[in-house]
Amino acid sequence: MDRDIFVDMKIETGCAYISDLPYIKEIVKKKLFEFPFDLYSKEQLQEFCDYVFRDNGAVYQSLMMKYRKNSKYN
């Protein structure tokens, strides 16, 4: 898994900097639910959610529930 969700999301949202992602949380959240989960490690996804949403894992847990059936993280 050489993909980096931070870089991919920066490109997908059109942000100039990764540090801008927390300022467009709603856009990031929408795009995040469209991303293929298996391209990123579980740890990287959790780190991304912690960085962008700073919500004690609520978005990450929602993602895990949504992708449970289609993911290797069952």
N, C-alpha and C. Protein backbone atom coordinates (compact mmCIF):
# COMPACT_ATOMS: atom_id res chain seq x y z
N MET A 1 0.83 -1.19 0.00
CA MET A 1 0.00 0.00 0.00
C MET A 1 0.87 1.25 0.00
N ASP A 2 1.16 1.71 -1.17
CA ASP A 2 2.00 2.89 -1.29
C ASP A 2 1.20 4.17 -1.44
N ARG A 3 -0.11 4.07 -1.48
CA ARG A 3 -0.96 5.24 -1.63
C ARG A 3 -1.00 6.02 -0.32
N ASP A 4 -1.14 7.32 -0.45
CA ASP A 4 -1.22 8.19 0.71
C ASP A 4 -2.55 8.94 0.65
N ILE A 5 -3.43 8.65 1.60
CA ILE A 5 -4.75 9.27 1.58
C ILE A 5 -4.68 10.78 1.77
N PHE A 6 -3.68 11.26 2.46
CA PHE A 6 -3.52 12.70 2.65
C PHE A 6 -3.29 13.39 1.29
N VAL A 7 -2.39 12.84 0.51
CA VAL A 7 -2.08 13.39 -0.81
C VAL A 7 -3.26 13.19 -1.76
N ASP A 8 -3.84 12.00 -1.75
CA ASP A 8 -4.98 11.73 -2.63
C ASP A 8 -6.15 12.66 -2.33
N MET A 9 -6.43 12.91 -1.07
CA MET A 9 -7.54 13.78 -0.71
C MET A 9 -7.24 15.24 -1.05
N LYS A 10 -5.99 15.63 -0.89
CA LYS A 10 -5.59 16.99 -1.28
C LYS A 10 -5.86 17.20 -2.76
N ILE A 11 -5.49 16.24 -3.57
CA ILE A 11 -5.71 16.33 -5.02
C ILE A 11 -7.21 16.28 -5.34
N GLU A 12 -7.92 15.35 -4.72
CA GLU A 12 -9.35 15.17 -4.98
C GLU A 12 -10.18 16.41 -4.64
N THR A 13 -9.80 17.10 -3.58
CA THR A 13 -10.56 18.28 -3.16
C THR A 13 -10.05 19.57 -3.79
N GLY A 14 -8.89 19.52 -4.41
CA GLY A 14 -8.33 20.71 -5.03
C GLY A 14 -7.63 21.64 -4.05
N CYS A 15 -7.32 21.15 -2.87
CA CYS A 15 -6.61 21.97 -1.88
C CYS A 15 -5.17 22.19 -2.30
N ALA A 16 -4.66 23.34 -1.96
CA ALA A 16 -3.25 23.63 -2.23
C ALA A 16 -2.34 22.92 -1.23
N TYR A 17 -2.84 22.74 0.00
CA TYR A 17 -2.02 22.16 1.07
C TYR A 17 -2.85 21.15 1.86
N ILE A 18 -2.18 20.13 2.35
CA ILE A 18 -2.84 19.15 3.21
C ILE A 18 -3.39 19.82 4.45
N SER A 19 -2.72 20.83 4.94
CA SER A 19 -3.16 21.53 6.15
C SER A 19 -4.49 22.26 5.96
N ASP A 20 -4.94 22.40 4.71
CA ASP A 20 -6.24 23.02 4.45
C ASP A 20 -7.41 22.05 4.66
N LEU A 21 -7.15 20.76 4.66
CA LEU A 21 -8.22 19.77 4.73
C LEU A 21 -9.14 19.92 5.94
N PRO A 22 -8.63 20.19 7.14
CA PRO A 22 -9.54 20.35 8.28
C PRO A 22 -10.52 21.53 8.14
N TYR A 23 -10.24 22.45 7.24
CA TYR A 23 -11.11 23.61 7.05
C TYR A 23 -12.27 23.35 6.08
N ILE A 24 -12.20 22.21 5.40
CA ILE A 24 -13.27 21.85 4.47
C ILE A 24 -13.79 20.45 4.83
N LYS A 25 -14.07 20.25 6.10
CA LYS A 25 -14.46 18.93 6.62
C LYS A 25 -15.63 18.30 5.89
N GLU A 26 -16.64 19.07 5.57
CA GLU A 26 -17.83 18.49 4.92
C GLU A 26 -17.50 17.95 3.54
N ILE A 27 -16.70 18.67 2.78
CA ILE A 27 -16.27 18.22 1.46
C ILE A 27 -15.41 16.97 1.60
N VAL A 28 -14.48 17.00 2.54
CA VAL A 28 -13.60 15.85 2.77
C VAL A 28 -14.42 14.63 3.17
N LYS A 29 -15.37 14.81 4.06
CA LYS A 29 -16.19 13.69 4.51
C LYS A 29 -16.95 13.07 3.35
N LYS A 30 -17.54 13.90 2.51
CA LYS A 30 -18.27 13.39 1.35
C LYS A 30 -17.35 12.61 0.42
N LYS A 31 -16.19 13.16 0.12
CA LYS A 31 -15.23 12.49 -0.76
C LYS A 31 -14.70 11.22 -0.12
N LEU A 32 -14.48 11.26 1.18
CA LEU A 32 -13.93 10.11 1.90
C LEU A 32 -14.84 8.90 1.78
N PHE A 33 -16.14 9.12 1.84
CA PHE A 33 -17.08 8.01 1.73
C PHE A 33 -17.12 7.43 0.32
N GLU A 34 -16.55 8.13 -0.65
CA GLU A 34 -16.49 7.65 -2.03
C GLU A 34 -15.17 6.94 -2.34
N PHE A 35 -14.17 7.11 -1.50
CA PHE A 35 -12.85 6.53 -1.74
C PHE A 35 -12.86 5.02 -1.55
N PRO A 36 -12.07 4.30 -2.34
CA PRO A 36 -11.92 2.85 -2.12
C PRO A 36 -11.04 2.59 -0.90
N PHE A 37 -11.59 1.91 0.06
CA PHE A 37 -10.91 1.69 1.34
C PHE A 37 -9.64 0.85 1.23
N ASP A 38 -9.67 -0.15 0.38
CA ASP A 38 -8.56 -1.11 0.33
C ASP A 38 -7.25 -0.55 -0.19
N LEU A 39 -7.24 0.69 -0.62
CA LEU A 39 -6.00 1.31 -1.09
C LEU A 39 -5.15 1.85 0.05
N TYR A 40 -5.72 1.92 1.24
CA TYR A 40 -5.03 2.54 2.38
C TYR A 40 -5.03 1.61 3.58
N SER A 41 -4.02 1.73 4.39
CA SER A 41 -3.97 0.92 5.61
C SER A 41 -4.98 1.44 6.63
N LYS A 42 -5.40 0.56 7.50
CA LYS A 42 -6.33 0.94 8.56
C LYS A 42 -5.73 2.05 9.42
N GLU A 43 -4.45 1.96 9.70
CA GLU A 43 -3.77 2.95 10.52
C GLU A 43 -3.76 4.32 9.83
N GLN A 44 -3.52 4.32 8.50
CA GLN A 44 -3.48 5.59 7.78
C GLN A 44 -4.87 6.23 7.75
N LEU A 45 -5.91 5.43 7.58
CA LEU A 45 -7.27 5.96 7.59
C LEU A 45 -7.61 6.58 8.94
N GLN A 46 -7.21 5.91 10.00
CA GLN A 46 -7.48 6.44 11.33
C GLN A 46 -6.70 7.72 11.58
N GLU A 47 -5.45 7.73 11.16
CA GLU A 47 -4.62 8.93 11.31
C GLU A 47 -5.22 10.10 10.52
N PHE A 48 -5.70 9.82 9.32
CA PHE A 48 -6.32 10.85 8.50
C PHE A 48 -7.56 11.43 9.17
N CYS A 49 -8.43 10.56 9.66
CA CYS A 49 -9.64 11.01 10.33
C CYS A 49 -9.31 11.82 11.59
N ASP A 50 -8.34 11.37 12.34
CA ASP A 50 -7.93 12.11 13.53
C ASP A 50 -7.42 13.50 13.17
N TYR A 51 -6.65 13.57 12.09
CA TYR A 51 -6.07 14.85 11.67
C TYR A 51 -7.14 15.81 11.16
N VAL A 52 -7.99 15.33 10.28
CA VAL A 52 -8.97 16.22 9.64
C VAL A 52 -10.14 16.55 10.55
N PHE A 53 -10.68 15.53 11.23
CA PHE A 53 -11.93 15.72 11.96
C PHE A 53 -11.76 15.95 13.46
N ARG A 54 -10.64 15.50 14.03
CA ARG A 54 -10.36 15.68 15.46
C ARG A 54 -11.59 15.38 16.31
N ASP A 55 -12.22 14.24 16.02
CA ASP A 55 -13.51 13.94 16.65
C ASP A 55 -13.50 12.65 17.47
N ASN A 56 -12.38 12.25 17.96
CA ASN A 56 -12.28 11.04 18.78
C ASN A 56 -12.77 9.79 18.06
N GLY A 57 -12.65 9.75 16.76
CA GLY A 57 -12.93 8.53 16.01
C GLY A 57 -14.33 8.37 15.47
N ALA A 58 -15.20 9.35 15.62
CA ALA A 58 -16.59 9.20 15.16
C ALA A 58 -16.68 8.99 13.64
N VAL A 59 -15.95 9.79 12.87
CA VAL A 59 -15.99 9.64 11.41
C VAL A 59 -15.33 8.33 11.02
N TYR A 60 -14.22 8.01 11.65
CA TYR A 60 -13.54 6.75 11.35
C TYR A 60 -14.45 5.56 11.63
N GLN A 61 -15.14 5.56 12.73
CA GLN A 61 -16.05 4.46 13.06
C GLN A 61 -17.18 4.37 12.05
N SER A 62 -17.69 5.50 11.60
CA SER A 62 -18.73 5.50 10.57
C SER A 62 -18.21 4.89 9.27
N LEU A 63 -16.99 5.23 8.92
CA LEU A 63 -16.40 4.65 7.71
C LEU A 63 -16.24 3.14 7.84
N MET A 64 -15.77 2.71 8.99
CA MET A 64 -15.58 1.27 9.21
C MET A 64 -16.91 0.53 9.12
N MET A 65 -17.95 1.10 9.66
CA MET A 65 -19.26 0.46 9.60
C MET A 65 -19.76 0.41 8.16
N LYS A 66 -19.58 1.49 7.41
CA LYS A 66 -20.03 1.55 6.03
C LYS A 66 -19.32 0.53 5.16
N TYR A 67 -18.04 0.35 5.37
CA TYR A 67 -17.24 -0.51 4.51
C TYR A 67 -16.99 -1.90 5.08
N ARG A 68 -17.59 -2.21 6.20
CA ARG A 68 -17.35 -3.50 6.85
C ARG A 68 -17.53 -4.68 5.90
N LYS A 69 -18.58 -4.66 5.13
CA LYS A 69 -18.90 -5.78 4.25
C LYS A 69 -17.94 -5.88 3.06
N ASN A 70 -17.41 -4.74 2.61
CA ASN A 70 -16.58 -4.71 1.41
C ASN A 70 -15.09 -4.56 1.70
N SER A 71 -14.71 -4.63 2.93
CA SER A 71 -13.35 -4.32 3.31
C SER A 71 -12.63 -5.51 3.89
N LYS A 72 -11.33 -5.45 3.83
CA LYS A 72 -10.51 -6.50 4.45
C LYS A 72 -10.40 -6.31 5.94
N TYR A 73 -11.01 -5.26 6.49
CA TYR A 73 -10.92 -4.96 7.92
C TYR A 73 -12.09 -5.54 8.71
N ASN A 74 -12.70 -6.59 8.24
CA ASN A 74 -13.86 -7.20 8.92
C ASN A 74 -13.49 -7.63 10.32
